[in-house]
């Protein structure tokens, strides 16, 4: 196994906890940036019309800064241009229970939801490195599986239909 293939892919993450929105609303923005390159994800979130756009942009910028800081700290060679959004998740936080006044002196309870937003970025390995790491895998081709032809169901004879 080559040295490059054995190398583990580094991930860098950032979290924003206890954000005042429901996780469902945050996921609408997060699903748009999953798998994107970092520059494209930043521009997508920046121009998003959703209220959580600026918060998610801040978390994404924090994840990028974590990547640059840790790479300098540990002496890793990480190119920020090759970073992409690996995961973007909004988990449910604690719920705040509130009471709304109702008619005739009653009270209705409702819940304000909170979300924990987690964004993980990783470095995308160039395809040339992956292609040179396993040339033997490309040489061996599997033969396609044989398909079994099924017989068509027998047709009823025309003579039986004519008798009726």
N, C-alpha and C. Protein backbone atom coordinates (compact mmCIF):
# COMPACT_ATOMS: atom_id res chain seq x y z
N UNK A 1 0.85 -1.16 0.00
CA UNK A 1 0.00 0.00 0.00
C UNK A 1 0.90 1.24 0.00
N UNK A 2 0.55 2.21 -0.79
CA UNK A 2 1.39 3.39 -0.89
C UNK A 2 1.20 4.28 0.33
N UNK A 3 2.14 5.20 0.49
CA UNK A 3 2.12 6.08 1.65
C UNK A 3 0.92 7.03 1.60
N UNK A 4 0.56 7.46 0.41
CA UNK A 4 -0.54 8.41 0.25
C UNK A 4 -1.87 7.76 0.57
N UNK A 5 -2.06 6.53 0.14
CA UNK A 5 -3.32 5.84 0.38
C UNK A 5 -3.50 5.54 1.87
N UNK A 6 -2.37 5.29 2.58
CA UNK A 6 -2.45 4.97 3.99
C UNK A 6 -2.68 6.22 4.84
N UNK A 7 -2.43 7.41 4.28
CA UNK A 7 -2.59 8.65 5.02
C UNK A 7 -4.06 8.92 5.30
N UNK A 8 -4.35 9.33 6.54
CA UNK A 8 -5.74 9.58 6.94
C UNK A 8 -6.16 10.97 6.48
N UNK A 9 -7.41 11.09 6.05
CA UNK A 9 -7.94 12.38 5.64
C UNK A 9 -8.24 13.18 6.91
N UNK A 10 -7.70 14.39 6.97
CA UNK A 10 -7.88 15.25 8.13
C UNK A 10 -9.19 16.03 8.01
N UNK A 11 -9.91 16.09 9.11
CA UNK A 11 -11.15 16.86 9.17
C UNK A 11 -11.00 17.96 10.21
N UNK A 12 -11.62 19.09 9.92
CA UNK A 12 -11.59 20.23 10.84
C UNK A 12 -13.03 20.70 11.02
N UNK A 13 -13.43 20.91 12.27
CA UNK A 13 -14.83 21.23 12.51
C UNK A 13 -14.99 22.47 13.37
N UNK A 14 -16.18 23.03 13.30
CA UNK A 14 -16.56 24.16 14.13
C UNK A 14 -18.02 23.98 14.52
N UNK A 15 -18.35 24.45 15.71
CA UNK A 15 -19.70 24.29 16.23
C UNK A 15 -20.26 25.64 16.67
N UNK A 16 -21.55 25.79 16.53
CA UNK A 16 -22.27 26.93 17.10
C UNK A 16 -23.43 26.33 17.88
N UNK A 17 -23.36 26.41 19.18
CA UNK A 17 -24.38 25.78 20.01
C UNK A 17 -25.42 26.79 20.47
N UNK A 18 -26.59 26.27 20.78
CA UNK A 18 -27.70 27.03 21.34
C UNK A 18 -28.12 28.20 20.44
N UNK A 19 -28.28 27.93 19.16
CA UNK A 19 -28.74 28.96 18.22
C UNK A 19 -30.26 29.02 18.26
N UNK A 20 -30.82 30.22 18.24
CA UNK A 20 -32.25 30.41 18.41
C UNK A 20 -33.00 30.17 17.11
N UNK A 21 -33.03 28.95 16.67
CA UNK A 21 -33.81 28.54 15.51
C UNK A 21 -34.08 27.06 15.62
N UNK A 22 -35.04 26.58 14.87
CA UNK A 22 -35.29 25.14 14.88
C UNK A 22 -34.26 24.47 13.98
N UNK A 23 -33.88 23.25 14.28
CA UNK A 23 -32.92 22.54 13.44
C UNK A 23 -33.42 22.37 12.01
N UNK A 24 -34.73 22.26 11.84
CA UNK A 24 -35.30 22.07 10.51
C UNK A 24 -35.00 23.28 9.62
N UNK A 25 -35.09 24.48 10.17
CA UNK A 25 -34.82 25.69 9.39
C UNK A 25 -33.33 25.82 9.08
N UNK A 26 -32.49 25.42 10.01
CA UNK A 26 -31.04 25.49 9.78
C UNK A 26 -30.62 24.47 8.72
N UNK A 27 -31.27 23.31 8.71
CA UNK A 27 -30.92 22.27 7.73
C UNK A 27 -31.22 22.70 6.30
N UNK A 28 -32.17 23.59 6.11
CA UNK A 28 -32.46 24.09 4.77
C UNK A 28 -31.24 24.75 4.14
N UNK A 29 -30.51 25.51 4.94
CA UNK A 29 -29.31 26.18 4.44
C UNK A 29 -28.14 25.20 4.39
N UNK A 30 -28.01 24.35 5.40
CA UNK A 30 -26.88 23.42 5.47
C UNK A 30 -26.90 22.41 4.34
N UNK A 31 -28.08 21.98 3.93
CA UNK A 31 -28.17 21.00 2.85
C UNK A 31 -27.70 21.58 1.52
N UNK A 32 -27.79 22.89 1.36
CA UNK A 32 -27.34 23.50 0.10
C UNK A 32 -25.83 23.53 -0.03
N UNK A 33 -25.09 23.52 1.11
CA UNK A 33 -23.64 23.65 1.02
C UNK A 33 -22.89 22.34 1.21
N UNK A 34 -23.58 21.24 1.51
CA UNK A 34 -22.89 19.97 1.71
C UNK A 34 -22.16 19.55 0.43
N UNK A 35 -20.90 19.18 0.57
CA UNK A 35 -20.13 18.69 -0.56
C UNK A 35 -19.54 19.78 -1.44
N UNK A 36 -19.85 21.04 -1.19
CA UNK A 36 -19.33 22.13 -2.01
C UNK A 36 -17.90 22.48 -1.61
N UNK A 37 -17.17 23.10 -2.53
CA UNK A 37 -15.88 23.67 -2.19
C UNK A 37 -16.13 24.84 -1.26
N UNK A 38 -15.15 25.17 -0.44
CA UNK A 38 -15.32 26.15 0.61
C UNK A 38 -15.66 27.54 0.04
N UNK A 39 -14.98 27.96 -1.03
CA UNK A 39 -15.24 29.30 -1.58
C UNK A 39 -16.67 29.39 -2.10
N UNK A 40 -17.11 28.35 -2.78
CA UNK A 40 -18.47 28.34 -3.34
C UNK A 40 -19.50 28.29 -2.21
N UNK A 41 -19.22 27.53 -1.16
CA UNK A 41 -20.14 27.43 -0.03
C UNK A 41 -20.26 28.78 0.69
N UNK A 42 -19.15 29.49 0.83
CA UNK A 42 -19.20 30.81 1.48
C UNK A 42 -20.06 31.79 0.70
N UNK A 43 -19.89 31.79 -0.63
CA UNK A 43 -20.69 32.72 -1.43
C UNK A 43 -22.17 32.32 -1.43
N UNK A 44 -22.45 31.02 -1.41
CA UNK A 44 -23.84 30.55 -1.37
C UNK A 44 -24.52 30.97 -0.08
N UNK A 45 -23.83 30.78 1.04
CA UNK A 45 -24.41 31.13 2.34
C UNK A 45 -24.51 32.65 2.50
N UNK A 46 -23.52 33.37 1.97
CA UNK A 46 -23.51 34.83 2.11
C UNK A 46 -24.73 35.45 1.42
N UNK A 47 -25.11 34.92 0.27
CA UNK A 47 -26.23 35.48 -0.47
C UNK A 47 -27.54 34.74 -0.22
N UNK A 48 -27.58 33.90 0.79
CA UNK A 48 -28.80 33.19 1.14
C UNK A 48 -29.80 34.17 1.76
N UNK A 49 -31.07 33.96 1.47
CA UNK A 49 -32.10 34.84 2.03
C UNK A 49 -32.62 34.35 3.38
N UNK A 50 -32.15 33.20 3.82
CA UNK A 50 -32.61 32.64 5.09
C UNK A 50 -31.95 33.38 6.26
N UNK A 51 -32.62 33.41 7.39
CA UNK A 51 -32.12 34.13 8.55
C UNK A 51 -30.88 33.46 9.15
N UNK A 52 -30.73 32.16 8.95
CA UNK A 52 -29.59 31.45 9.51
C UNK A 52 -28.35 31.56 8.63
N UNK A 53 -28.45 32.20 7.49
CA UNK A 53 -27.31 32.35 6.58
C UNK A 53 -26.08 32.95 7.23
N UNK A 54 -26.18 34.12 7.89
CA UNK A 54 -25.00 34.72 8.52
C UNK A 54 -24.40 33.86 9.63
N UNK A 55 -25.23 33.15 10.38
CA UNK A 55 -24.74 32.30 11.46
C UNK A 55 -23.95 31.13 10.88
N UNK A 56 -24.48 30.52 9.83
CA UNK A 56 -23.80 29.38 9.21
C UNK A 56 -22.53 29.85 8.52
N UNK A 57 -22.56 31.04 7.96
CA UNK A 57 -21.33 31.59 7.34
C UNK A 57 -20.24 31.77 8.39
N UNK A 58 -20.62 32.22 9.56
CA UNK A 58 -19.66 32.42 10.64
C UNK A 58 -19.07 31.08 11.09
N UNK A 59 -19.90 30.05 11.17
CA UNK A 59 -19.43 28.72 11.56
C UNK A 59 -18.50 28.15 10.49
N UNK A 60 -18.84 28.35 9.23
CA UNK A 60 -18.01 27.85 8.13
C UNK A 60 -16.65 28.55 8.12
N UNK A 61 -16.65 29.87 8.33
CA UNK A 61 -15.37 30.60 8.40
C UNK A 61 -14.54 30.14 9.59
N UNK A 62 -15.20 29.80 10.69
CA UNK A 62 -14.49 29.30 11.86
C UNK A 62 -13.85 27.94 11.58
N UNK A 63 -14.54 27.08 10.84
CA UNK A 63 -13.98 25.77 10.49
C UNK A 63 -12.76 25.94 9.59
N UNK A 64 -12.81 26.90 8.67
CA UNK A 64 -11.66 27.16 7.79
C UNK A 64 -10.48 27.68 8.60
N UNK A 65 -10.75 28.59 9.55
CA UNK A 65 -9.69 29.10 10.40
C UNK A 65 -9.11 28.01 11.29
N UNK A 66 -9.95 27.09 11.75
CA UNK A 66 -9.46 25.95 12.53
C UNK A 66 -8.51 25.11 11.69
N UNK A 67 -8.84 24.93 10.42
CA UNK A 67 -7.98 24.15 9.53
C UNK A 67 -6.63 24.81 9.34
N UNK A 68 -6.61 26.11 9.10
CA UNK A 68 -5.33 26.80 8.90
C UNK A 68 -4.51 26.83 10.19
N UNK A 69 -5.17 27.05 11.33
CA UNK A 69 -4.45 27.11 12.60
C UNK A 69 -3.84 25.75 12.96
N UNK A 70 -4.63 24.70 12.85
CA UNK A 70 -4.13 23.37 13.23
C UNK A 70 -3.05 22.91 12.26
N UNK A 71 -3.18 23.25 10.98
CA UNK A 71 -2.15 22.86 10.03
C UNK A 71 -0.83 23.56 10.33
N UNK A 72 -0.88 24.83 10.76
CA UNK A 72 0.34 25.53 11.14
C UNK A 72 0.90 24.99 12.45
N UNK A 73 0.00 24.66 13.37
CA UNK A 73 0.41 24.17 14.68
C UNK A 73 1.10 22.81 14.59
N UNK A 74 0.54 21.92 13.78
CA UNK A 74 1.06 20.56 13.67
C UNK A 74 2.04 20.39 12.51
N UNK A 75 2.25 21.44 11.75
CA UNK A 75 3.19 21.35 10.63
C UNK A 75 2.64 20.58 9.44
N UNK A 76 1.32 20.57 9.28
CA UNK A 76 0.72 19.87 8.15
C UNK A 76 0.70 20.78 6.93
N UNK A 77 0.70 20.18 5.76
CA UNK A 77 0.63 20.96 4.53
C UNK A 77 -0.79 20.88 3.99
N UNK A 78 -1.62 21.84 4.39
CA UNK A 78 -3.02 21.84 3.96
C UNK A 78 -3.27 23.06 3.09
N UNK A 79 -3.84 22.81 1.92
CA UNK A 79 -4.17 23.88 0.99
C UNK A 79 -5.63 24.27 1.21
N UNK A 80 -5.87 25.53 1.54
CA UNK A 80 -7.23 26.00 1.81
C UNK A 80 -8.09 25.94 0.55
N UNK A 81 -7.46 26.04 -0.62
CA UNK A 81 -8.21 25.98 -1.88
C UNK A 81 -8.79 24.59 -2.14
N UNK A 82 -8.21 23.56 -1.52
CA UNK A 82 -8.69 22.19 -1.71
C UNK A 82 -9.70 21.76 -0.66
N UNK A 83 -10.06 22.65 0.27
CA UNK A 83 -11.02 22.28 1.30
C UNK A 83 -12.44 22.25 0.74
N UNK A 84 -13.22 21.32 1.26
CA UNK A 84 -14.64 21.23 0.90
C UNK A 84 -15.45 20.92 2.15
N UNK A 85 -16.74 21.19 2.10
CA UNK A 85 -17.62 20.95 3.24
C UNK A 85 -17.96 19.46 3.26
N UNK A 86 -17.41 18.76 4.24
CA UNK A 86 -17.64 17.32 4.30
C UNK A 86 -18.98 17.00 4.95
N UNK A 87 -19.25 17.59 6.09
CA UNK A 87 -20.55 17.41 6.73
C UNK A 87 -21.06 18.76 7.23
N UNK A 88 -22.35 18.91 7.22
CA UNK A 88 -23.00 20.10 7.77
C UNK A 88 -24.29 19.63 8.42
N UNK A 89 -24.34 19.72 9.75
CA UNK A 89 -25.43 19.11 10.50
C UNK A 89 -26.02 20.13 11.47
N UNK A 90 -27.31 20.06 11.66
CA UNK A 90 -27.99 20.85 12.69
C UNK A 90 -28.70 19.87 13.62
N UNK A 91 -28.17 19.73 14.82
CA UNK A 91 -28.77 18.85 15.82
C UNK A 91 -29.68 19.65 16.73
N UNK A 92 -30.59 18.94 17.36
CA UNK A 92 -31.54 19.62 18.25
C UNK A 92 -30.89 19.89 19.60
N UNK A 93 -31.08 21.09 20.09
CA UNK A 93 -30.61 21.47 21.42
C UNK A 93 -31.75 21.38 22.41
N UNK A 94 -31.54 21.94 23.59
CA UNK A 94 -32.63 21.93 24.57
C UNK A 94 -33.78 22.83 24.14
N UNK A 95 -34.96 22.52 24.60
CA UNK A 95 -36.13 23.32 24.25
C UNK A 95 -36.48 24.22 25.43
N UNK A 96 -36.86 25.45 25.09
CA UNK A 96 -37.29 26.38 26.13
C UNK A 96 -38.81 26.33 26.20
N UNK A 97 -39.34 26.02 27.37
CA UNK A 97 -40.79 25.96 27.54
C UNK A 97 -41.31 27.34 27.90
N UNK A 98 -42.30 27.79 27.16
CA UNK A 98 -42.87 29.11 27.38
C UNK A 98 -44.39 28.99 27.49
N UNK A 99 -45.01 30.04 28.02
CA UNK A 99 -46.46 30.05 28.19
C UNK A 99 -47.03 31.27 27.49
N UNK A 100 -48.09 31.06 26.72
CA UNK A 100 -48.78 32.13 26.02
C UNK A 100 -50.15 32.33 26.68
N UNK A 101 -50.52 33.57 26.97
CA UNK A 101 -51.85 33.80 27.56
C UNK A 101 -52.95 33.37 26.60
N UNK A 102 -53.98 32.79 27.14
CA UNK A 102 -55.11 32.31 26.34
C UNK A 102 -56.40 32.93 26.89
N UNK A 103 -57.50 32.81 26.17
CA UNK A 103 -58.76 33.41 26.63
C UNK A 103 -59.26 32.83 27.96
N UNK A 104 -60.00 33.61 28.66
CA UNK A 104 -60.67 33.22 29.90
C UNK A 104 -59.68 32.78 30.98
N UNK A 105 -58.52 33.46 31.03
CA UNK A 105 -57.56 33.20 32.10
C UNK A 105 -56.75 31.94 31.96
N UNK A 106 -56.87 31.28 30.84
CA UNK A 106 -56.09 30.05 30.65
C UNK A 106 -54.72 30.38 30.07
N UNK A 107 -53.87 29.34 29.93
CA UNK A 107 -52.53 29.54 29.36
C UNK A 107 -52.21 28.37 28.45
N UNK A 108 -51.63 28.66 27.31
CA UNK A 108 -51.18 27.63 26.38
C UNK A 108 -49.66 27.53 26.45
N UNK A 109 -49.16 26.31 26.46
CA UNK A 109 -47.70 26.11 26.48
C UNK A 109 -47.20 25.94 25.06
N UNK A 110 -46.01 26.48 24.81
CA UNK A 110 -45.34 26.24 23.54
C UNK A 110 -43.85 26.12 23.81
N UNK A 111 -43.12 25.66 22.82
CA UNK A 111 -41.69 25.41 22.99
C UNK A 111 -40.89 26.20 21.96
N UNK A 112 -39.83 26.82 22.44
CA UNK A 112 -38.89 27.48 21.53
C UNK A 112 -37.72 26.52 21.34
N UNK A 113 -37.46 26.17 20.08
CA UNK A 113 -36.43 25.19 19.81
C UNK A 113 -35.07 25.86 19.63
N UNK A 114 -34.02 25.14 20.01
CA UNK A 114 -32.64 25.58 19.83
C UNK A 114 -31.91 24.55 18.99
N UNK A 115 -30.88 24.99 18.29
CA UNK A 115 -30.14 24.08 17.41
C UNK A 115 -28.65 24.18 17.70
N UNK A 116 -27.96 23.06 17.54
CA UNK A 116 -26.50 23.01 17.57
C UNK A 116 -26.05 22.78 16.13
N UNK A 117 -25.30 23.72 15.57
CA UNK A 117 -24.87 23.64 14.18
C UNK A 117 -23.41 23.19 14.15
N UNK A 118 -23.13 22.12 13.39
CA UNK A 118 -21.78 21.58 13.28
C UNK A 118 -21.40 21.52 11.81
N UNK A 119 -20.27 22.14 11.46
CA UNK A 119 -19.77 22.12 10.08
C UNK A 119 -18.37 21.51 10.11
N UNK A 120 -18.14 20.53 9.24
CA UNK A 120 -16.85 19.87 9.14
C UNK A 120 -16.30 20.07 7.74
N UNK A 121 -15.05 20.52 7.64
CA UNK A 121 -14.39 20.66 6.35
C UNK A 121 -13.22 19.69 6.29
N UNK A 122 -12.91 19.23 5.09
CA UNK A 122 -11.79 18.31 4.88
C UNK A 122 -11.11 18.68 3.59
N UNK A 123 -9.88 18.18 3.43
CA UNK A 123 -9.13 18.48 2.21
C UNK A 123 -9.43 17.42 1.17
N UNK A 124 -9.77 17.86 -0.01
CA UNK A 124 -10.06 16.95 -1.11
C UNK A 124 -8.74 16.55 -1.75
N UNK A 125 -8.51 15.22 -1.84
CA UNK A 125 -7.27 14.75 -2.45
C UNK A 125 -7.40 14.82 -3.96
N UNK A 126 -6.34 15.25 -4.66
CA UNK A 126 -6.42 15.34 -6.11
C UNK A 126 -6.61 13.95 -6.74
N UNK A 127 -7.37 13.85 -7.84
CA UNK A 127 -7.63 12.55 -8.45
C UNK A 127 -6.38 11.90 -9.04
N UNK A 128 -5.36 12.67 -9.40
CA UNK A 128 -4.14 12.09 -9.96
C UNK A 128 -3.43 11.24 -8.91
N UNK A 129 -3.49 11.65 -7.65
CA UNK A 129 -2.85 10.90 -6.58
C UNK A 129 -3.57 9.58 -6.37
N UNK A 130 -4.89 9.61 -6.41
CA UNK A 130 -5.65 8.37 -6.22
C UNK A 130 -5.44 7.42 -7.38
N UNK A 131 -5.31 7.93 -8.60
CA UNK A 131 -5.13 7.07 -9.77
C UNK A 131 -3.79 6.38 -9.76
N UNK A 132 -2.73 7.05 -9.29
CA UNK A 132 -1.41 6.44 -9.28
C UNK A 132 -1.25 5.49 -8.12
N UNK A 133 -2.08 5.60 -7.09
CA UNK A 133 -1.94 4.77 -5.90
C UNK A 133 -2.38 3.33 -6.16
N UNK A 134 -3.34 3.12 -7.05
CA UNK A 134 -3.86 1.77 -7.27
C UNK A 134 -3.98 1.45 -8.75
N UNK A 135 -2.84 1.29 -9.48
CA UNK A 135 -2.95 0.97 -10.89
C UNK A 135 -3.40 -0.48 -11.12
N UNK A 136 -3.11 -1.38 -10.16
CA UNK A 136 -3.51 -2.78 -10.32
C UNK A 136 -5.02 -2.95 -10.28
N UNK A 137 -5.69 -2.09 -9.54
CA UNK A 137 -7.15 -2.19 -9.43
C UNK A 137 -7.82 -1.85 -10.76
N UNK A 138 -7.19 -0.99 -11.55
CA UNK A 138 -7.78 -0.60 -12.82
C UNK A 138 -7.60 -1.67 -13.89
N UNK A 139 -6.53 -2.46 -13.78
CA UNK A 139 -6.23 -3.46 -14.81
C UNK A 139 -7.21 -4.63 -14.78
N UNK A 140 -7.60 -5.06 -13.61
CA UNK A 140 -8.50 -6.21 -13.51
C UNK A 140 -9.93 -5.76 -13.68
N UNK A 141 -10.57 -6.31 -14.66
CA UNK A 141 -11.98 -5.99 -14.90
C UNK A 141 -12.82 -7.22 -14.60
N UNK A 142 -13.92 -7.00 -13.98
CA UNK A 142 -14.83 -8.10 -13.71
C UNK A 142 -15.70 -8.32 -14.93
N UNK A 143 -15.97 -9.59 -15.21
CA UNK A 143 -16.86 -9.91 -16.31
C UNK A 143 -18.30 -9.68 -15.85
N UNK A 144 -19.13 -9.20 -16.75
CA UNK A 144 -20.52 -8.98 -16.34
C UNK A 144 -21.22 -10.31 -16.05
N UNK A 145 -22.10 -10.28 -15.10
CA UNK A 145 -22.82 -11.50 -14.72
C UNK A 145 -23.74 -11.92 -15.86
N UNK A 146 -23.87 -13.23 -16.03
CA UNK A 146 -24.74 -13.75 -17.09
C UNK A 146 -26.19 -13.59 -16.68
N UNK A 147 -26.97 -13.14 -17.61
CA UNK A 147 -28.40 -13.01 -17.33
C UNK A 147 -29.12 -14.24 -17.86
N UNK A 148 -30.05 -14.70 -17.09
CA UNK A 148 -30.81 -15.88 -17.47
C UNK A 148 -32.07 -15.42 -18.20
N UNK A 149 -32.24 -15.95 -19.41
CA UNK A 149 -33.43 -15.58 -20.19
C UNK A 149 -34.62 -16.37 -19.67
N UNK A 150 -35.69 -15.68 -19.44
CA UNK A 150 -36.89 -16.36 -18.95
C UNK A 150 -37.80 -16.64 -20.14
N UNK A 151 -38.49 -17.74 -20.01
CA UNK A 151 -39.45 -18.09 -21.07
C UNK A 151 -40.70 -17.26 -20.90
N UNK A 152 -41.27 -16.88 -22.01
CA UNK A 152 -42.54 -16.17 -21.98
C UNK A 152 -43.63 -17.16 -21.62
N UNK A 153 -44.65 -16.74 -20.90
CA UNK A 153 -45.72 -17.67 -20.55
C UNK A 153 -46.43 -18.16 -21.81
N UNK A 154 -46.82 -19.42 -21.75
CA UNK A 154 -47.48 -20.03 -22.91
C UNK A 154 -48.81 -19.36 -23.17
N UNK A 155 -49.10 -19.12 -24.45
CA UNK A 155 -50.36 -18.48 -24.82
C UNK A 155 -51.46 -19.52 -24.86
N UNK A 156 -52.62 -19.09 -24.47
CA UNK A 156 -53.76 -20.01 -24.53
C UNK A 156 -54.13 -20.21 -25.98
N UNK A 157 -54.54 -21.40 -26.26
CA UNK A 157 -54.84 -21.70 -27.64
C UNK A 157 -56.06 -20.94 -28.12
N UNK A 158 -56.05 -20.62 -29.37
CA UNK A 158 -57.13 -19.86 -30.00
C UNK A 158 -58.37 -20.75 -30.14
N UNK A 159 -58.16 -22.08 -30.23
CA UNK A 159 -59.28 -23.00 -30.45
C UNK A 159 -60.23 -22.99 -29.24
N UNK A 160 -59.71 -22.87 -28.03
CA UNK A 160 -60.57 -22.88 -26.85
C UNK A 160 -61.43 -21.62 -26.83
N UNK A 161 -60.87 -20.50 -27.27
CA UNK A 161 -61.63 -19.26 -27.28
C UNK A 161 -62.74 -19.30 -28.33
N UNK A 162 -62.49 -19.99 -29.44
CA UNK A 162 -63.45 -20.04 -30.53
C UNK A 162 -64.67 -20.88 -30.13
N UNK A 163 -64.50 -21.90 -29.29
CA UNK A 163 -65.61 -22.75 -28.87
C UNK A 163 -66.63 -21.99 -28.04
N UNK A 164 -66.21 -21.02 -27.31
CA UNK A 164 -67.13 -20.31 -26.41
C UNK A 164 -67.98 -19.38 -27.14
